[in-house]
Amino acid sequence: MLDTERYGVLVADFNGDGKDDLAYHGLCGTPSVPCWRVLASTGTGFAAARNWSTDSTVTSADTFTYGFHVGDFDDDGRADIAFRASCGTDRHACWTVLASQPGDSFAVRGFGDGMWADPALTPTYGVLAADFDGDRRTDLAYPGLCGTGVSCLRVQSSTGTSFVSLNWITSPFYFDDAPVNVSAHFGMRAADRNGDGLADVATWGKCGAPGVPQWRYLLSTTGGATVSCSTTGP
């Protein structure tokens, strides 16, 4: 069905048993209604798909631009799903988390409205899900806007019940965009580059506007990030 294709299939440990499962947006019941379904891994196969929640959320203009992100946003040992849904009577875009619950179900949690996207950079490079501040809760990071509208790395830091919007670093993004946008081709990735327990951000770019193209890392620190470059790859 079209919705399943648009939402995609998400891979994570949704029931907290240490094995990765599959979640997708499908149909449940008779008559069929939209819902989230999960195929739980047994270790040797998948159990039959189960209805984890009738879909009570409403998509927004941001939903499919920024996608669906899995992680443990409330640090309970079960993976959740975060995305930009629609909230309020005016249907404004907001962060919503489908929080995995004991008994195999999702509970809808509002995680706030804060997001300041860069119209050019954010849709191109997307949103990254990882633990950027080392508190074991999954956060979201993206190239957005800060302060007076300058490009920066913004982090939606999870408190377990909401996101706090942080300006992580205001050093300009020096992307390698000539003669073609090589940076956009490789995209941005999240991983712990230096082994300090904090997720970092990597992209192909330049160190300084006139710099030579190379791997550019935004290394997470307590409440921010520093820039490091390397020609040897991620």
Protein backbone atom coordinates (compact mmCIF):
# COMPACT_ATOMS: atom_id res chain seq x y z
CA MET A 1 0.00 0.00 0.00
CA LEU A 2 1.10 3.55 -0.69
CA ASP A 3 1.38 4.64 2.97
CA THR A 4 3.62 1.72 3.85
CA GLU A 5 5.97 2.68 1.04
CA ARG A 6 6.03 6.32 2.16
CA TYR A 7 6.67 5.49 5.82
CA GLY A 8 9.21 2.78 5.09
CA VAL A 9 10.27 -0.11 7.34
CA LEU A 10 12.04 0.75 10.61
CA VAL A 11 14.55 -1.58 12.28
CA ALA A 12 15.15 -1.48 16.05
CA ASP A 13 14.52 -3.38 19.30
CA PHE A 14 10.96 -2.23 20.00
CA ASN A 15 10.13 -4.79 22.72
CA GLY A 16 13.41 -4.60 24.65
CA ASP A 17 14.43 -8.25 24.32
CA GLY A 18 17.82 -7.49 22.76
CA LYS A 19 16.78 -8.48 19.21
CA ASP A 20 15.98 -6.05 16.41
CA ASP A 21 12.40 -6.04 15.15
CA LEU A 22 10.63 -4.49 12.15
CA ALA A 23 7.97 -1.77 12.38
CA TYR A 24 5.87 -0.40 9.56
CA HIS A 25 2.74 1.64 8.96
CA GLY A 26 0.01 -0.69 7.72
CA LEU A 27 -3.63 -1.63 8.25
CA CYS A 28 -5.34 -3.38 11.17
CA GLY A 29 -8.78 -4.73 11.98
CA THR A 30 -12.04 -5.07 10.09
CA PRO A 31 -12.80 -2.65 8.59
CA SER A 32 -9.14 -1.85 8.05
CA VAL A 33 -7.76 1.27 9.74
CA PRO A 34 -4.22 2.72 9.61
CA CYS A 35 -1.97 1.43 12.38
CA TRP A 36 1.61 0.70 13.33
CA ARG A 37 2.52 -2.98 13.08
CA VAL A 38 5.59 -4.73 14.48
CA LEU A 39 7.18 -8.02 13.48
CA ALA A 40 9.11 -9.16 16.56
CA SER A 41 12.28 -11.13 16.00
CA THR A 42 12.50 -14.56 17.57
CA GLY A 43 16.21 -14.85 16.84
CA THR A 44 15.61 -17.28 13.97
CA GLY A 45 12.71 -15.53 12.23
CA PHE A 46 9.91 -13.05 12.75
CA ALA A 47 6.72 -13.64 14.71
CA ALA A 48 3.47 -12.72 13.00
CA ALA A 49 2.94 -8.96 12.66
CA ARG A 50 1.01 -7.45 15.56
CA ASN A 51 -0.95 -4.22 15.89
CA TRP A 52 1.02 -1.92 18.21
CA SER A 53 -1.30 1.09 17.93
CA THR A 54 -4.13 2.49 15.91
CA ASP A 55 -2.66 5.58 14.28
CA SER A 56 -4.02 8.60 16.16
CA THR A 57 -1.38 11.01 14.85
CA VAL A 58 -1.76 13.41 11.94
CA THR A 59 1.07 14.01 9.51
CA SER A 60 2.36 17.51 8.75
CA ALA A 61 4.18 19.12 5.85
CA ASP A 62 7.43 18.21 7.66
CA THR A 63 6.70 14.52 8.20
CA PHE A 64 8.03 13.00 5.00
CA THR A 65 10.63 15.74 4.46
CA TYR A 66 12.45 14.84 7.67
CA GLY A 67 11.36 11.22 8.01
CA PHE A 68 10.98 8.77 10.88
CA HIS A 69 13.78 8.17 13.38
CA VAL A 70 14.22 5.27 15.78
CA GLY A 71 16.01 5.38 19.10
CA ASP A 72 15.44 5.08 22.82
CA PHE A 73 14.22 8.61 23.48
CA ASP A 74 13.07 7.88 27.06
CA ASP A 75 15.84 5.48 28.15
CA ASP A 76 13.58 2.56 29.03
CA GLY A 77 15.43 -0.06 26.97
CA ARG A 78 12.83 -0.13 24.17
CA ALA A 79 13.17 1.67 20.84
CA ASP A 80 10.72 4.46 20.00
CA ILE A 81 9.83 6.34 16.80
CA ALA A 82 10.20 10.13 16.48
CA PHE A 83 8.85 12.27 13.65
CA ARG A 84 7.35 15.66 12.80
CA ALA A 85 3.60 15.27 13.20
CA SER A 86 0.78 17.81 13.32
CA CYS A 87 -0.48 19.26 16.61
CA GLY A 88 -3.13 21.61 17.91
CA THR A 89 -6.23 23.04 16.28
CA ASP A 90 -4.02 24.96 13.86
CA ARG A 91 -2.22 21.73 12.86
CA HIS A 92 1.27 23.15 13.38
CA ALA A 93 4.28 20.88 12.92
CA CYS A 94 5.56 19.33 16.15
CA TRP A 95 7.80 16.57 17.41
CA THR A 96 5.91 13.40 18.29
CA VAL A 97 7.36 10.22 19.76
CA LEU A 98 5.67 6.84 19.59
CA ALA A 99 7.02 5.47 22.87
CA SER A 100 7.23 1.68 23.10
CA GLN A 101 5.34 0.34 26.12
CA PRO A 102 5.41 -2.92 28.11
CA GLY A 103 2.84 -5.21 26.61
CA ASP A 104 3.93 -4.40 23.07
CA SER A 105 2.27 -1.14 22.09
CA PHE A 106 3.08 2.49 21.24
CA ALA A 107 1.93 5.47 23.30
CA VAL A 108 1.80 8.87 21.58
CA ARG A 109 3.95 11.47 23.35
CA GLY A 110 4.27 15.15 22.43
CA PHE A 111 7.95 16.17 22.54
CA GLY A 112 7.49 19.87 21.69
CA ASP A 113 7.47 22.14 18.67
CA GLY A 114 11.05 23.44 18.62
CA MET A 115 12.75 23.22 15.25
CA TRP A 116 14.49 25.96 13.28
CA ALA A 117 15.29 24.44 9.92
CA ASP A 118 17.53 25.93 7.26
CA PRO A 119 15.36 25.88 4.10
CA ALA A 120 18.30 24.79 1.96
CA LEU A 121 20.43 22.64 4.26
CA THR A 122 18.01 20.78 6.52
CA PRO A 123 15.95 19.03 3.82
CA THR A 124 19.16 18.19 1.93
CA TYR A 125 21.16 16.73 4.84
CA GLY A 126 18.29 15.53 7.00
CA VAL A 127 17.99 14.72 10.69
CA LEU A 128 20.33 12.40 12.60
CA ALA A 129 19.28 10.31 15.61
CA ALA A 130 21.93 9.43 18.23
CA ASP A 131 22.96 10.16 21.82
CA PHE A 132 24.91 13.38 21.38
CA ASP A 133 25.10 14.35 25.07
CA GLY A 134 25.87 10.95 26.64
CA ASP A 135 22.78 10.64 28.85
CA ARG A 136 21.65 7.36 27.19
CA ARG A 137 18.61 9.04 25.64
CA THR A 138 18.50 9.40 21.86
CA ASP A 139 18.65 12.99 20.58
CA LEU A 140 18.18 14.51 17.12
CA ALA A 141 20.68 16.72 15.28
CA TYR A 142 20.45 18.63 12.00
CA PRO A 143 22.04 21.56 10.15
CA GLY A 144 19.64 24.40 10.91
CA LEU A 145 19.56 28.05 11.92
CA CYS A 146 20.58 29.72 15.17
CA GLY A 147 20.37 33.18 16.69
CA THR A 148 19.93 35.76 13.96
CA GLY A 149 19.55 33.10 11.31
CA VAL A 150 23.13 31.85 10.83
CA SER A 151 23.75 28.25 9.86
CA CYS A 152 24.57 25.99 12.78
CA LEU A 153 24.27 22.46 14.09
CA ARG A 154 21.11 22.24 16.18
CA VAL A 155 20.37 19.44 18.62
CA GLN A 156 16.98 18.42 19.96
CA SER A 157 18.19 17.02 23.27
CA SER A 158 15.78 14.52 24.81
CA THR A 159 14.81 14.89 28.47
CA GLY A 160 12.82 11.67 28.30
CA THR A 161 9.51 13.53 27.94
CA SER A 162 10.37 16.37 25.53
CA PHE A 163 13.09 17.88 23.36
CA VAL A 164 15.16 20.89 24.41
CA SER A 165 16.42 22.88 21.41
CA LEU A 166 20.15 23.63 21.62
CA ASN A 167 22.52 25.56 19.36
CA TRP A 168 25.34 23.01 19.33
CA ILE A 169 27.87 24.84 17.21
CA THR A 170 27.74 28.03 15.12
CA SER A 171 30.87 27.38 13.07
CA PRO A 172 29.80 27.67 9.41
CA PHE A 173 29.22 24.54 7.38
CA TYR A 174 31.89 24.61 4.69
CA PHE A 175 30.51 22.12 2.21
CA ASP A 176 32.27 20.92 -0.93
CA ASP A 177 29.72 22.08 -3.52
CA ALA A 178 31.78 22.81 -6.64
CA PRO A 179 31.58 21.76 -9.40
CA VAL A 180 28.97 19.36 -7.93
CA ASN A 181 27.69 19.02 -4.38
CA VAL A 182 29.95 16.23 -3.16
CA SER A 183 28.96 16.90 0.46
CA ALA A 184 25.30 16.30 -0.29
CA HIS A 185 26.19 13.11 -2.16
CA PHE A 186 27.89 11.65 0.93
CA GLY A 187 25.43 13.23 3.37
CA MET A 188 25.89 13.58 7.12
CA ARG A 189 26.45 10.66 9.48
CA ALA A 190 26.36 10.22 13.27
CA ALA A 191 28.88 8.03 15.12
CA ASP A 192 31.23 8.22 18.09
CA ARG A 193 34.37 9.30 16.22
CA ASN A 194 36.70 9.70 19.22
CA GLY A 195 35.32 7.04 21.60
CA ASP A 196 34.22 9.41 24.37
CA GLY A 197 30.67 8.05 24.56
CA LEU A 198 29.14 11.03 22.74
CA ALA A 199 27.87 10.73 19.16
CA ASP A 200 29.59 13.06 16.67
CA VAL A 201 28.64 14.27 13.20
CA ALA A 202 30.71 13.63 10.08
CA THR A 203 30.42 15.10 6.60
CA TRP A 204 32.62 15.68 3.56
CA GLY A 205 33.50 19.37 3.48
CA LYS A 206 36.23 21.93 4.00
CA CYS A 207 38.00 23.29 7.06
CA GLY A 208 37.63 27.00 6.41
CA ALA A 209 36.07 28.56 3.34
CA PRO A 210 39.23 28.24 1.18
CA GLY A 211 40.19 24.87 2.64
CA VAL A 212 40.93 21.61 0.85
CA PRO A 213 37.97 19.17 0.72
CA GLN A 214 38.31 16.50 3.41
CA TRP A 215 36.34 14.73 6.12
CA ARG A 216 34.96 17.28 8.55
CA TYR A 217 33.88 16.20 12.05
CA LEU A 218 31.76 18.02 14.58
CA LEU A 219 32.92 16.37 17.81
CA SER A 220 30.38 16.56 20.61
CA THR A 221 31.44 18.05 23.92
CA THR A 222 29.37 18.92 26.99
CA GLY A 223 26.70 21.16 25.51
CA GLY A 224 28.42 21.85 22.21
CA ALA A 225 30.91 20.64 19.62
CA THR A 226 34.36 21.32 18.21
CA VAL A 227 35.54 21.03 14.59
CA SER A 228 38.15 18.50 13.52
CA CYS A 229 39.22 17.59 9.99
CA SER A 230 40.97 14.58 8.49
CA THR A 231 41.98 13.42 5.02
CA THR A 232 41.99 9.74 6.03
CA GLY A 233 38.24 9.13 6.04
CA PRO A 234 35.65 8.37 8.70
